[in-house]
C-alpha atoms as a PDB file:
ATOM      1  CA  MET A   1       1.029  -8.895  -0.086  1.00  0.00           C
ATOM      2  CA  ARG A   2      -1.400 -10.808   1.216  1.00  0.00           C
ATOM      3  CA  LYS A   3       1.818 -13.431   2.030  1.00  0.00           C
ATOM      4  CA  LEU A   4       3.592 -11.522   4.119  1.00  0.00           C
ATOM      5  CA  PRO A   5       2.629 -11.883   8.145  1.00  0.00           C
ATOM      6  CA  LEU A   6       0.598  -7.389   8.412  1.00  0.00           C
ATOM      7  CA  SER A   7      -1.871  -7.505  11.112  1.00  0.00           C
ATOM      8  CA  ASP A   8      -4.492  -5.114   9.696  1.00  0.00           C
ATOM      9  CA  LYS A   9      -3.145  -2.876  13.163  1.00  0.00           C
ATOM     10  CA  SER A  10      -0.005  -2.415  11.508  1.00  0.00           C
ATOM     11  CA  LEU A  11      -1.269  -1.295   8.327  1.00  0.00           C
ATOM     12  CA  LEU A  12      -3.604   1.035   9.363  1.00  0.00           C
ATOM     13  CA  ASN A  13      -1.020   2.128  10.946  1.00  0.00           C
ATOM     14  CA  ALA A  14       1.250   2.717   7.996  1.00  0.00           C
ATOM     15  CA  VAL A  15      -1.922   4.495   6.858  1.00  0.00           C
ATOM     16  CA  ASP A  16      -1.990   7.215   9.846  1.00  0.00           C
ATOM     17  CA  GLU A  17       1.381   7.807   9.636  1.00  0.00           C
ATOM     18  CA  MET A  18       1.924   8.750   5.411  1.00  0.00           C
ATOM     19  CA  ASP A  19      -1.746  11.031   6.410  1.00  0.00           C
ATOM     20  CA  ARG A  20       0.853  12.501   8.852  1.00  0.00           C
ATOM     21  CA  GLY A  21       3.473  12.909   6.438  1.00  0.00           C
ATOM     22  CA  LEU A  22       5.657  10.338   7.593  1.00  0.00           C
ATOM     23  CA  ILE A  23       6.652   8.580   4.264  1.00  0.00           C
ATOM     24  CA  ASP A  24       9.327   7.339   3.546  1.00  0.00           C
ATOM     25  CA  ALA A  25       9.660   7.746   0.078  1.00  0.00           C
ATOM     26  CA  ASN A  26       7.390  10.152  -2.931  1.00  0.00           C
ATOM     27  CA  LEU A  27       7.551   7.279  -5.938  1.00  0.00           C
ATOM     28  CA  GLY A  28       5.534   9.628  -7.820  1.00  0.00           C
ATOM     29  CA  GLY A  29       2.118   9.287  -9.885  1.00  0.00           C
ATOM     30  CA  ASN A  30       0.340   9.828 -12.875  1.00  0.00           C
ATOM     31  CA  THR A  31      -1.218  12.561 -11.546  1.00  0.00           C
ATOM     32  CA  ALA A  32      -0.722  15.737  -9.041  1.00  0.00           C
ATOM     33  CA  GLU A  33      -3.060  14.035  -6.824  1.00  0.00           C
ATOM     34  CA  ASP A  34      -2.887  10.617  -7.221  1.00  0.00           C
ATOM     35  CA  LYS A  35       0.596   9.874  -5.754  1.00  0.00           C
ATOM     36  CA  VAL A  36       3.219   6.004  -4.821  1.00  0.00           C
ATOM     37  CA  TYR A  37       4.576   5.935  -2.161  1.00  0.00           C
ATOM     38  CA  LYS A  38       7.021   3.497  -0.251  1.00  0.00           C
ATOM     39  CA  LYS A  39       6.416   2.647   3.287  1.00  0.00           C
ATOM     40  CA  ARG A  40       8.222   0.273   5.893  1.00  0.00           C
ATOM     41  CA  VAL A  41       5.494  -1.940   7.972  1.00  0.00           C
ATOM     42  CA  PRO A  42       6.519  -3.577  10.997  1.00  0.00           C
ATOM     43  CA  PHE A  43       5.797  -7.182  11.397  1.00  0.00           C
ATOM     44  CA  PRO A  44       4.042  -8.359  14.878  1.00  0.00           C
ATOM     45  CA  GLY A  45       6.385  -8.060  17.605  1.00  0.00           C
ATOM     46  CA  GLN A  46       9.452  -6.192  15.672  1.00  0.00           C
ATOM     47  CA  GLY A  47      10.316  -2.518  14.833  1.00  0.00           C
ATOM     48  CA  LYS A  48      10.125  -1.109  10.723  1.00  0.00           C
ATOM     49  CA  ARG A  49      13.875  -1.974  10.418  1.00  0.00           C
ATOM     50  CA  GLY A  50      13.011  -5.668   9.957  1.00  0.00           C
ATOM     51  CA  GLY A  51      10.125  -5.255   8.276  1.00  0.00           C
ATOM     52  CA  THR A  52       8.255  -5.191   5.280  1.00  0.00           C
ATOM     53  CA  ARG A  53       8.258  -2.175   2.209  1.00  0.00           C
ATOM     54  CA  THR A  54       5.502  -1.466   1.328  1.00  0.00           C
ATOM     55  CA  ILE A  55       4.458   0.004  -1.985  1.00  0.00           C
ATOM     56  CA  VAL A  56       0.769   2.399  -1.609  1.00  0.00           C
ATOM     57  CA  ALA A  57      -1.039   4.221  -3.615  1.00  0.00           C
ATOM     58  CA  THR A  58      -3.382   6.923  -1.890  1.00  0.00           C
ATOM     59  CA  ASN A  59      -5.247  10.589  -3.385  1.00  0.00           C
ATOM     60  CA  LYS A  60      -5.280  10.695  -0.353  1.00  0.00           C
ATOM     61  CA  GLY A  61      -9.391  11.265  -0.531  1.00  0.00           C
ATOM     62  CA  GLY A  62      -9.609   8.719   1.530  1.00  0.00           C
ATOM     63  CA  ARG A  63      -8.467   5.780  -0.599  1.00  0.00           C
ATOM     64  CA  TRP A  64      -5.523   3.938   0.307  1.00  0.00           C
ATOM     65  CA  PHE A  65      -4.204   0.606  -1.432  1.00  0.00           C
ATOM     66  CA  PHE A  66      -1.226  -1.375  -0.596  1.00  0.00           C
ATOM     67  CA  LEU A  67      -0.023  -2.289  -4.358  1.00  0.00           C
ATOM     68  CA  TYR A  68       2.810  -4.193  -3.435  1.00  0.00           C
ATOM     69  CA  GLY A  69       5.336  -5.562  -0.183  1.00  0.00           C
ATOM     70  CA  PHE A  70       8.345  -7.201  -0.273  1.00  0.00           C
ATOM     71  CA  GLU A  71      11.079  -7.967   2.840  1.00  0.00           C
ATOM     72  CA  LYS A  72      14.346  -5.816   2.474  1.00  0.00           C
ATOM     73  CA  ASN A  73      16.146  -9.740   2.748  1.00  0.00           C
ATOM     74  CA  ASP A  74      14.544 -10.832  -0.393  1.00  0.00           C
ATOM     75  CA  LYS A  75      14.745  -7.550  -2.982  1.00  0.00           C
ATOM     76  CA  GLU A  76      16.385  -4.595  -2.435  1.00  0.00           C
ATOM     77  CA  ASN A  77      13.973  -2.313  -4.208  1.00  0.00           C
ATOM     78  CA  ILE A  78      11.723  -2.055  -6.771  1.00  0.00           C
ATOM     79  CA  THR A  79      13.029  -1.694 -10.498  1.00  0.00           C
ATOM     80  CA  THR A  80      12.330   1.224 -12.977  1.00  0.00           C
ATOM     81  CA  ASN A  81       9.410  -1.765 -14.731  1.00  0.00           C
ATOM     82  CA  GLU A  82       8.140  -2.345 -11.532  1.00  0.00           C
ATOM     83  CA  LEU A  83       7.228   1.231 -10.576  1.00  0.00           C
ATOM     84  CA  ALA A  84       5.515   2.454 -13.676  1.00  0.00           C
ATOM     85  CA  ARG A  85       3.504  -0.683 -14.115  1.00  0.00           C
ATOM     86  CA  LEU A  86       2.513   0.130  -9.914  1.00  0.00           C
ATOM     87  CA  ARG A  87       1.370   3.260 -11.006  1.00  0.00           C
ATOM     88  CA  ASP A  88      -0.446   2.110 -13.666  1.00  0.00           C
ATOM     89  CA  THR A  89      -2.592   0.123 -11.496  1.00  0.00           C
ATOM     90  CA  ALA A  90      -2.589   2.808  -8.515  1.00  0.00           C
ATOM     91  CA  ALA A  91      -4.042   5.104 -11.419  1.00  0.00           C
ATOM     92  CA  ASP A  92      -6.736   2.140 -11.890  1.00  0.00           C
ATOM     93  CA  TRP A  93      -7.491   1.591  -8.597  1.00  0.00           C
ATOM     94  CA  LEU A  94      -8.030   5.089  -7.481  1.00  0.00           C
ATOM     95  CA  ALA A  95     -10.138   5.667  -9.465  1.00  0.00           C
ATOM     96  CA  ALA A  96     -12.698   2.922 -10.251  1.00  0.00           C
ATOM     97  CA  PRO A  97     -15.736   3.821  -9.102  1.00  0.00           C
ATOM     98  CA  ASP A  98     -16.943   2.176  -5.510  1.00  0.00           C
ATOM     99  CA  ALA A  99     -18.734  -0.709  -7.396  1.00  0.00           C
ATOM    100  CA  ALA A 100     -15.792  -1.708  -8.524  1.00  0.00           C
ATOM    101  CA  LEU A 101     -13.996  -2.058  -5.517  1.00  0.00           C
ATOM    102  CA  ASP A 102     -16.929  -3.322  -3.746  1.00  0.00           C
ATOM    103  CA  LYS A 103     -16.987  -6.216  -7.031  1.00  0.00           C
ATOM    104  CA  ALA A 104     -12.968  -6.524  -6.613  1.00  0.00           C
ATOM    105  CA  MET A 105     -14.065  -7.764  -2.950  1.00  0.00           C
ATOM    106  CA  THR A 106     -16.371  -9.817  -3.534  1.00  0.00           C
ATOM    107  CA  CYS A 107     -14.368 -12.022  -5.814  1.00  0.00           C
ATOM    108  CA  GLY A 108     -11.077 -11.941  -3.463  1.00  0.00           C
ATOM    109  CA  GLU A 109      -8.753  -9.404  -5.530  1.00  0.00           C
ATOM    110  CA  LEU A 110      -8.970  -6.596  -3.024  1.00  0.00           C
ATOM    111  CA  GLU A 111      -9.018  -6.864   0.958  1.00  0.00           C
ATOM    112  CA  GLU A 112     -10.312  -4.809   2.969  1.00  0.00           C
ATOM    113  CA  ILE A 113      -8.368  -3.299   5.891  1.00  0.00           C
ATOM    114  CA  ASP A 114     -10.845  -4.030   8.956  1.00  0.00           C
ATOM    115  CA  ASN A 115     -10.311  -1.922  11.487  1.00  0.00           C
ATOM    116  CA  GLU A 116     -11.813  -4.389  13.990  1.00  0.00           C
ATOM    117  CA  ARG A 117      -9.898  -6.757  13.173  1.00  0.00           C
ATOM    118  CA  GLN A 118      -6.918  -7.010  14.740  1.00  0.00           C
END
């Protein structure tokens, strides 16, 4: 995700839309609460059609993880094997205690989206 030119504002807007039910595809999850979604996110100054497809994990309890992003020009969709790995990753992050998330952010494995950083 870090390689894609997406702003925090675009990602926050995508979370807001998904929270309101505007989801491009429900890709399931490993439990009833944990879900993996596909969501189009626009590049700055462009529309969603030319933007990025993102894979997002959430339990809708305040945790949203952008796990993977790709441009449609580079890749049409994710494979079944990729989806299985992303679901497992989603389950791990969604179940992680706050201390583990803090550590992952400190070492650069995760990056928090900042509402103030646009």
